[in-house]
Protein backbone atom coordinates (compact mmCIF):
# COMPACT_ATOMS: atom_id res chain seq x y z
CA MET A 1 -19.78 -54.27 216.26
CA LYS A 2 -18.78 -55.50 212.80
CA ASP A 3 -15.44 -54.47 211.30
CA GLY A 4 -15.41 -51.47 213.59
CA LYS A 5 -18.95 -50.39 212.63
CA ARG A 6 -22.08 -50.14 214.78
CA VAL A 7 -24.50 -52.93 213.87
CA ILE A 8 -28.10 -51.68 213.74
CA TRP A 9 -31.02 -54.07 213.17
CA PHE A 10 -34.51 -53.32 211.88
CA ASN A 11 -36.86 -56.29 212.14
CA HIS A 12 -40.17 -56.49 210.20
CA TRP A 13 -41.23 -52.82 209.80
CA PHE A 14 -43.36 -50.64 207.56
CA ALA A 15 -41.90 -49.88 204.12
CA GLN A 16 -41.05 -46.38 205.45
CA ALA A 17 -38.13 -47.97 207.31
CA TYR A 18 -36.31 -47.50 203.98
CA ASN A 19 -36.19 -43.77 204.81
CA PHE A 20 -34.96 -44.45 208.35
CA ILE A 21 -32.13 -46.61 207.04
CA SER A 22 -31.20 -43.96 204.47
CA LEU A 23 -30.87 -41.40 207.25
CA LEU A 24 -28.70 -43.74 209.31
CA LYS A 25 -26.38 -44.54 206.41
CA ARG A 26 -25.23 -40.93 206.32
CA ASP A 27 -23.06 -41.90 209.28
CA PRO A 28 -20.28 -44.17 207.97
CA ARG A 29 -20.03 -45.78 211.41
CA ASN A 30 -23.44 -47.49 210.92
CA TYR A 31 -23.94 -50.96 209.44
CA ILE A 32 -27.60 -51.87 208.86
CA ILE A 33 -29.25 -55.29 209.00
CA ALA A 34 -32.89 -55.63 207.95
CA THR A 35 -35.18 -58.63 208.35
CA ALA A 36 -38.79 -59.38 207.45
CA LYS A 37 -41.28 -62.23 207.27
CA VAL A 38 -40.87 -62.35 203.49
CA SER A 39 -37.74 -62.96 201.44
CA GLU A 40 -38.03 -59.71 199.45
CA PHE A 41 -38.98 -56.42 201.07
CA VAL A 42 -38.46 -52.84 199.97
CA PHE A 43 -36.74 -51.44 203.05
CA GLY A 44 -34.20 -54.22 202.81
CA ALA A 45 -32.92 -52.72 199.55
CA GLU A 46 -31.20 -49.96 201.53
CA ALA A 47 -29.69 -52.26 204.16
CA ASP A 48 -26.18 -53.75 204.14
CA LEU A 49 -27.45 -57.24 204.97
CA THR A 50 -30.89 -58.89 204.95
CA PHE A 51 -32.43 -62.06 206.38
CA THR A 52 -35.86 -63.71 206.41
CA GLU A 53 -37.53 -63.99 209.80
CA PRO A 54 -39.38 -67.06 211.09
CA ARG A 55 -43.13 -67.04 210.35
CA ASN A 56 -46.05 -68.48 212.34
CA ILE A 57 -44.32 -67.86 215.65
CA ASP A 58 -45.62 -66.41 218.91
CA GLY A 59 -44.11 -63.49 220.78
CA LYS A 60 -42.22 -65.59 223.31
CA ALA A 61 -40.57 -67.77 220.69
CA TYR A 62 -39.86 -64.74 218.50
CA THR A 63 -38.12 -62.94 221.37
CA GLU A 64 -35.93 -66.00 221.98
CA TRP A 65 -35.06 -66.03 218.27
CA ALA A 66 -34.30 -62.28 218.37
CA LEU A 67 -31.94 -62.72 221.30
CA SER A 68 -30.05 -65.45 219.44
CA PHE A 69 -29.98 -63.32 216.29
CA CYS A 70 -28.50 -60.37 218.20
CA LYS A 71 -25.79 -62.60 219.61
CA GLU A 72 -24.94 -64.13 216.23
CA GLN A 73 -24.89 -60.80 214.37
CA ARG A 74 -23.35 -58.80 217.23
CA VAL A 75 -26.20 -56.29 217.09
CA ASP A 76 -25.54 -53.05 218.97
CA VAL A 77 -28.88 -51.30 218.39
CA PHE A 78 -32.26 -52.94 217.73
CA PHE A 79 -35.12 -50.91 216.18
CA ALA A 80 -37.88 -53.40 216.95
CA LYS A 81 -41.36 -53.29 215.38
CA ARG A 82 -42.64 -56.87 215.11
CA TRP A 83 -43.60 -58.24 218.54
CA ILE A 84 -42.28 -55.07 220.19
CA TYR A 85 -44.46 -55.33 223.30
CA GLU A 86 -43.20 -58.84 224.01
CA ILE A 87 -39.61 -57.83 223.26
CA SER A 88 -39.93 -54.84 225.60
CA LYS A 89 -40.46 -57.23 228.52
CA HIS A 90 -36.94 -58.55 227.96
CA ILE A 91 -34.97 -55.34 227.35
CA GLU A 92 -32.57 -56.18 230.18
CA GLU A 93 -31.76 -59.55 228.58
CA PHE A 94 -30.88 -57.78 225.33
CA GLU A 95 -28.72 -55.30 227.24
CA ASP A 96 -26.91 -58.19 228.93
CA ILE A 97 -25.65 -59.33 225.51
CA GLY A 98 -24.74 -55.78 224.47
CA THR A 99 -27.85 -54.84 222.45
CA LYS A 100 -29.75 -51.60 223.06
CA VAL A 101 -33.46 -51.87 222.20
CA ILE A 102 -34.83 -48.53 220.94
CA TYR A 103 -37.88 -48.51 223.17
CA SER A 104 -38.84 -47.09 226.54
CA ARG A 105 -38.09 -49.26 229.56
CA ASP A 106 -41.08 -47.86 231.49
CA ARG A 107 -43.43 -50.79 230.86
CA ASP A 108 -46.26 -49.37 232.96
CA THR A 109 -46.34 -46.19 230.86
CA VAL A 110 -46.11 -48.16 227.61
CA LYS A 111 -48.99 -50.40 228.70
CA MET A 112 -51.12 -47.40 229.69
CA LEU A 113 -50.47 -45.73 226.33
CA SER A 114 -51.53 -48.86 224.45
CA SER A 115 -55.11 -48.13 225.61
CA LYS A 116 -56.80 -45.14 223.98
CA MET A 117 -59.16 -44.70 226.92
CA ARG A 118 -56.55 -45.03 229.65
CA SER A 119 -54.14 -42.66 227.90
CA ARG A 120 -56.94 -40.15 227.32
CA ASP A 121 -57.85 -40.29 231.02
CA PHE A 122 -54.18 -39.86 231.95
CA MET A 123 -53.98 -36.67 229.89
CA LYS A 124 -57.20 -35.32 231.39
CA LYS A 125 -56.31 -36.12 234.99
CA GLY A 126 -52.85 -34.58 234.67
CA GLY A 127 -54.11 -31.50 232.83
CA LEU A 128 -51.56 -32.24 230.10
CA CYS A 129 -53.87 -31.68 227.12
CA ALA A 130 -57.55 -31.18 226.32
CA VAL A 131 -59.32 -34.45 225.44
CA PRO A 132 -62.37 -35.35 223.33
CA PRO A 133 -65.53 -37.00 224.70
CA MET A 134 -64.89 -40.73 224.68
CA GLU A 135 -66.51 -43.85 226.09
CA VAL A 136 -65.37 -47.45 226.12
CA ILE A 137 -67.82 -50.34 225.63
CA SER A 138 -67.49 -54.11 225.89
CA SER A 139 -70.99 -55.23 224.87
CA ALA A 140 -73.72 -54.51 222.33
CA ALA A 141 -75.99 -53.28 225.14
CA GLU A 142 -73.50 -50.54 226.02
CA PHE A 143 -73.19 -49.24 222.46
CA GLY A 144 -76.56 -47.45 222.04
CA PRO A 145 -76.35 -45.35 225.23
CA ALA A 146 -72.70 -44.47 224.56
CA TYR A 147 -73.54 -43.44 220.99
CA GLU A 148 -76.34 -41.17 222.18
CA ARG A 149 -74.17 -39.53 224.84
CA ILE A 150 -71.44 -38.72 222.30
CA LYS A 151 -74.07 -37.29 219.94
CA ALA A 152 -75.53 -35.18 222.75
CA ALA A 153 -72.08 -33.84 223.61
CA CYS A 154 -71.17 -32.92 220.03
CA GLY A 155 -74.51 -32.20 218.31
CA GLU A 156 -76.93 -34.12 216.09
CA LYS A 157 -75.05 -33.27 212.90
CA SER A 158 -71.80 -34.72 214.20
CA TYR A 159 -70.46 -38.08 213.09
CA VAL A 160 -69.42 -40.74 215.59
CA CYS A 161 -66.59 -43.20 215.07
CA VAL A 162 -65.54 -46.42 216.77
CA LYS A 163 -62.22 -48.23 217.00
CA ALA A 164 -60.59 -50.84 219.19
CA ASP A 165 -59.30 -49.49 222.49
CA CYS A 166 -55.95 -51.07 221.64
CA ASP A 167 -55.32 -50.38 217.97
CA GLU A 168 -52.36 -49.46 215.77
CA GLY A 169 -52.56 -47.57 212.53
CA GLY A 170 -56.34 -47.18 212.71
CA VAL A 171 -56.96 -50.65 211.27
CA THR A 172 -60.18 -51.13 213.29
CA TYR A 173 -61.51 -47.60 212.71
CA LYS A 174 -65.10 -47.19 211.44
CA ARG A 175 -67.17 -44.01 210.90
CA LEU A 176 -70.90 -44.30 211.59
CA TYR A 177 -73.79 -42.39 210.06
CA ASP A 178 -77.46 -41.97 211.00
CA GLU A 179 -80.61 -40.11 209.96
CA PHE A 180 -79.15 -36.75 211.02
CA ASN A 181 -75.96 -37.04 208.97
CA GLY A 182 -76.03 -39.29 205.94
CA ARG A 183 -73.52 -41.59 204.35
CA LYS A 184 -70.79 -39.62 202.57
CA LEU A 185 -68.08 -42.21 202.08
CA PRO A 186 -68.49 -45.76 200.73
CA GLU A 187 -66.92 -47.18 203.87
CA ASP A 188 -69.33 -45.37 206.25
CA ILE A 189 -71.52 -47.77 208.26
CA TYR A 190 -75.09 -47.20 209.44
CA TYR A 191 -74.98 -47.11 213.22
CA ARG A 192 -77.90 -49.54 213.60
CA ALA A 193 -76.14 -52.03 211.33
CA PHE A 194 -73.02 -51.72 213.46
CA GLU A 195 -75.11 -52.34 216.58
CA GLU A 196 -76.61 -55.48 215.02
CA ASP A 197 -73.14 -56.68 214.15
CA LEU A 198 -72.10 -56.28 217.80
CA LYS A 199 -75.15 -58.31 218.88
CA SER A 200 -74.09 -61.14 216.59
CA ARG A 201 -70.67 -61.45 218.21
CA SER A 202 -70.00 -63.96 220.98
CA ARG A 203 -67.54 -61.51 222.52
CA VAL A 204 -66.94 -57.78 222.09
CA SER A 205 -63.40 -56.60 222.70
CA PRO A 206 -63.19 -53.12 224.27
CA LEU A 207 -64.15 -50.42 221.75
CA VAL A 208 -63.97 -46.67 222.11
CA VAL A 209 -66.88 -44.54 220.93
CA MET A 210 -65.99 -40.91 220.20
CA PRO A 211 -66.75 -38.03 217.83
CA TYR A 212 -65.32 -38.13 214.33
CA LEU A 213 -62.87 -35.23 214.14
CA MET A 214 -62.72 -33.84 210.61
CA GLU A 215 -59.72 -31.54 210.97
CA PRO A 216 -56.38 -32.93 209.71
CA GLU A 217 -54.21 -34.83 212.12
CA ILE A 218 -51.29 -33.11 213.83
CA SER A 219 -48.48 -35.60 214.32
CA ILE A 220 -45.64 -34.53 216.62
CA ASP A 221 -42.39 -36.49 216.43
CA CYS A 222 -40.53 -36.23 219.74
CA MET A 223 -37.44 -37.33 221.61
CA GLN A 224 -36.18 -36.39 225.03
CA THR A 225 -32.43 -35.73 225.08
CA PRO A 226 -30.11 -34.85 227.97
CA GLY A 227 -30.36 -31.25 226.70
CA GLY A 228 -34.17 -31.19 226.53
CA LEU A 229 -37.06 -32.11 224.27
CA ILE A 230 -36.81 -32.07 220.49
CA ALA A 231 -40.31 -31.93 218.95
CA VAL A 232 -41.26 -31.57 215.28
CA PRO A 233 -45.00 -31.11 214.59
CA ARG A 234 -46.32 -32.25 211.20
CA TYR A 235 -49.64 -30.89 209.92
CA LYS A 236 -51.14 -33.10 207.22
CA GLN A 237 -52.59 -31.08 204.34
CA PRO A 238 -54.40 -32.00 201.09
CA ASN A 239 -52.52 -32.88 197.92
CA HIS A 240 -49.75 -34.85 199.67
CA ILE A 241 -48.35 -31.80 201.42
CA THR A 242 -47.19 -31.68 205.04
CA VAL A 243 -46.41 -28.50 206.95
CA LEU A 244 -43.77 -28.55 209.68
CA ASP A 245 -44.78 -25.68 211.95
CA PHE A 246 -43.67 -24.81 215.48
CA ASN A 247 -46.48 -22.67 216.88
CA GLU A 248 -46.20 -21.91 220.56
CA LYS A 249 -49.40 -23.68 221.64
CA ILE A 250 -48.45 -26.98 220.00
CA MET A 251 -44.93 -26.83 221.41
CA THR A 252 -46.31 -26.20 224.90
CA ILE A 253 -48.62 -29.21 224.60
CA SER A 254 -45.66 -31.31 223.43
CA GLU A 255 -43.61 -30.18 226.43
CA ASN A 256 -46.48 -30.89 228.87
CA ILE A 257 -47.21 -34.37 227.56
CA SER A 258 -43.52 -35.27 227.33
CA ALA A 259 -42.87 -34.10 230.88
CA GLY A 260 -45.76 -36.22 232.10
CA LEU A 261 -44.63 -39.37 230.30
CA LYS A 262 -40.79 -39.26 230.35
CA LEU A 263 -40.41 -41.75 227.49
CA GLU A 264 -37.01 -42.82 226.19
CA TYR A 265 -36.13 -42.75 222.50
CA PRO A 266 -38.34 -41.37 219.68
CA TYR A 267 -42.12 -41.36 220.08
CA ASN A 268 -45.06 -39.68 218.39
CA ILE A 269 -47.95 -37.60 219.80
CA GLN A 270 -51.15 -37.28 217.77
CA LEU A 271 -53.64 -34.42 218.15
CA ARG A 272 -56.68 -33.14 216.26
CA MET A 273 -58.83 -30.04 216.46
CA LEU A 274 -62.21 -30.14 218.22
CA GLY A 275 -63.85 -26.75 217.92
CA ASP A 276 -61.13 -24.23 218.58
CA GLU A 277 -58.80 -26.38 220.71
CA TYR A 278 -56.28 -29.14 220.16
CA VAL A 279 -57.34 -32.44 221.70
CA PHE A 280 -55.31 -35.56 222.46
CA MET A 281 -55.68 -38.65 220.30
CA GLU A 282 -52.83 -41.01 221.18
CA VAL A 283 -49.10 -41.53 221.71
CA ASN A 284 -47.15 -44.05 219.64
CA THR A 285 -44.19 -45.28 221.66
CA ARG A 286 -42.03 -45.80 218.55
CA MET A 287 -40.94 -43.74 215.56
CA ALA A 288 -43.88 -42.80 213.34
CA GLY A 289 -43.64 -43.68 209.66
CA GLY A 290 -43.44 -40.02 208.67
CA CYS A 291 -40.75 -38.90 211.11
CA TYR A 292 -38.17 -38.92 208.32
CA LYS A 293 -39.75 -35.63 207.15
CA ALA A 294 -38.18 -33.91 210.17
CA ASP A 295 -34.94 -34.11 208.22
CA ALA A 296 -36.25 -31.08 206.29
CA VAL A 297 -35.44 -29.00 209.39
CA GLY A 298 -32.26 -30.84 210.29
CA VAL A 299 -33.69 -33.42 212.73
CA ASN A 300 -32.60 -37.01 212.10
CA PHE A 301 -34.63 -39.02 214.62
CA PRO A 302 -33.13 -42.47 213.84
CA GLN A 303 -29.60 -41.10 214.28
CA LEU A 304 -30.61 -39.28 217.47
CA ALA A 305 -31.82 -42.61 218.87
CA VAL A 306 -28.53 -44.32 217.99
CA SER A 307 -26.53 -41.43 219.44
CA TYR A 308 -28.50 -41.61 222.68
CA ALA A 309 -28.02 -45.39 222.88
CA PHE A 310 -24.23 -44.99 222.53
CA GLY A 311 -24.01 -41.98 224.83
CA ASP A 312 -22.78 -39.69 222.03
CA PRO A 313 -23.15 -35.95 222.65
CA ILE A 314 -26.36 -34.49 221.21
CA SER A 315 -26.36 -30.78 220.33
CA THR A 316 -29.97 -30.15 221.36
CA ASP A 317 -29.68 -26.36 221.43
CA SER A 318 -28.20 -26.15 217.93
CA ILE A 319 -30.84 -28.53 216.58
CA LYS A 320 -33.64 -26.48 218.12
CA ALA A 321 -32.10 -23.27 216.80
CA GLY A 322 -32.54 -24.60 213.27
CA LEU A 323 -36.24 -25.39 213.55
CA HIS A 324 -38.37 -23.34 211.17
CA THR A 325 -41.66 -23.58 209.30
CA VAL A 326 -41.41 -25.47 206.02
CA ARG A 327 -43.81 -27.18 203.62
CA VAL A 328 -42.80 -30.59 202.31
CA GLY A 329 -44.43 -32.70 199.62
CA ASP A 330 -44.75 -36.47 199.31
CA ILE A 331 -43.63 -37.86 195.97
CA SER A 332 -43.66 -41.34 194.49
CA GLY A 333 -40.38 -42.97 193.70
CA TYR A 334 -38.71 -46.31 193.21
CA VAL A 335 -35.78 -48.32 194.50
CA ILE A 336 -33.64 -50.89 192.70
CA MET A 337 -34.10 -54.24 194.41
CA PRO A 338 -31.06 -56.49 194.90
CA GLU A 339 -30.68 -59.46 192.58
CA LYS A 340 -32.16 -62.66 193.94
């Protein structure tokens, strides 16, 4: 606590953390600290206090620094992003000094969800959600047969994509083309060229091979509360428009997956359409960058997380009663940066 206020820390995050901090500052009890690897960063403009984090540091050393930082700044709630998996191994140590880390303590579930293949198999085995065809490879020799099996399952005219089995934000994603479906985007890669690239590598980290799903992503922001699940599905549309829609099938899938995982604090489920059914893509075990849009229907996920951490009452029924379909648009804007 600082001067009677709850001290909340965001370490190095996406720029969208600006929106999270804005939502938290509606509560006058909250005092926000933001840190990043650089001295100037946009989300810090909304914080009450900013610091620069150490660079060129491994997860173990960073966690030790974070523990010291929490002690020095009397941090009550820590929204961790940088080195979160390493930090999550030490949640009890943070709790011992009075800091709640906004992350699930179920390390086995978090580790399983970090793998696209393992999480897909978990959903299939538990009957929690339909899943797409998917194979994992660890060598160039495995790529060709896996590619052909995915094509056989989805049809010659289908595209295939590859990505790292453990990936965040789609940074390793690549769409492949062949003689049956030509190159449509500049970044598309010929599948034989990709295979040759794999052959040139001394080591191939696990990659998933799966169909490219053209339908827009459905991103479901979720949090389990003592009164039940709060879930806000976002349907990405063209022209920077997002639809928040609560159709029964999506809500049932959200309930099924959430019941099977039992994660603490906000998380995000991603689905896409394959044919006429929703299929599982992945679960992010942290707040998604776009979860601030749930505020359009009265759901403030960052504040819900803080309330849960402090044991404040959460009016789940009244929140759910206010959920309704709404279309929201993304707009560009600016923020005034603090003087150096």
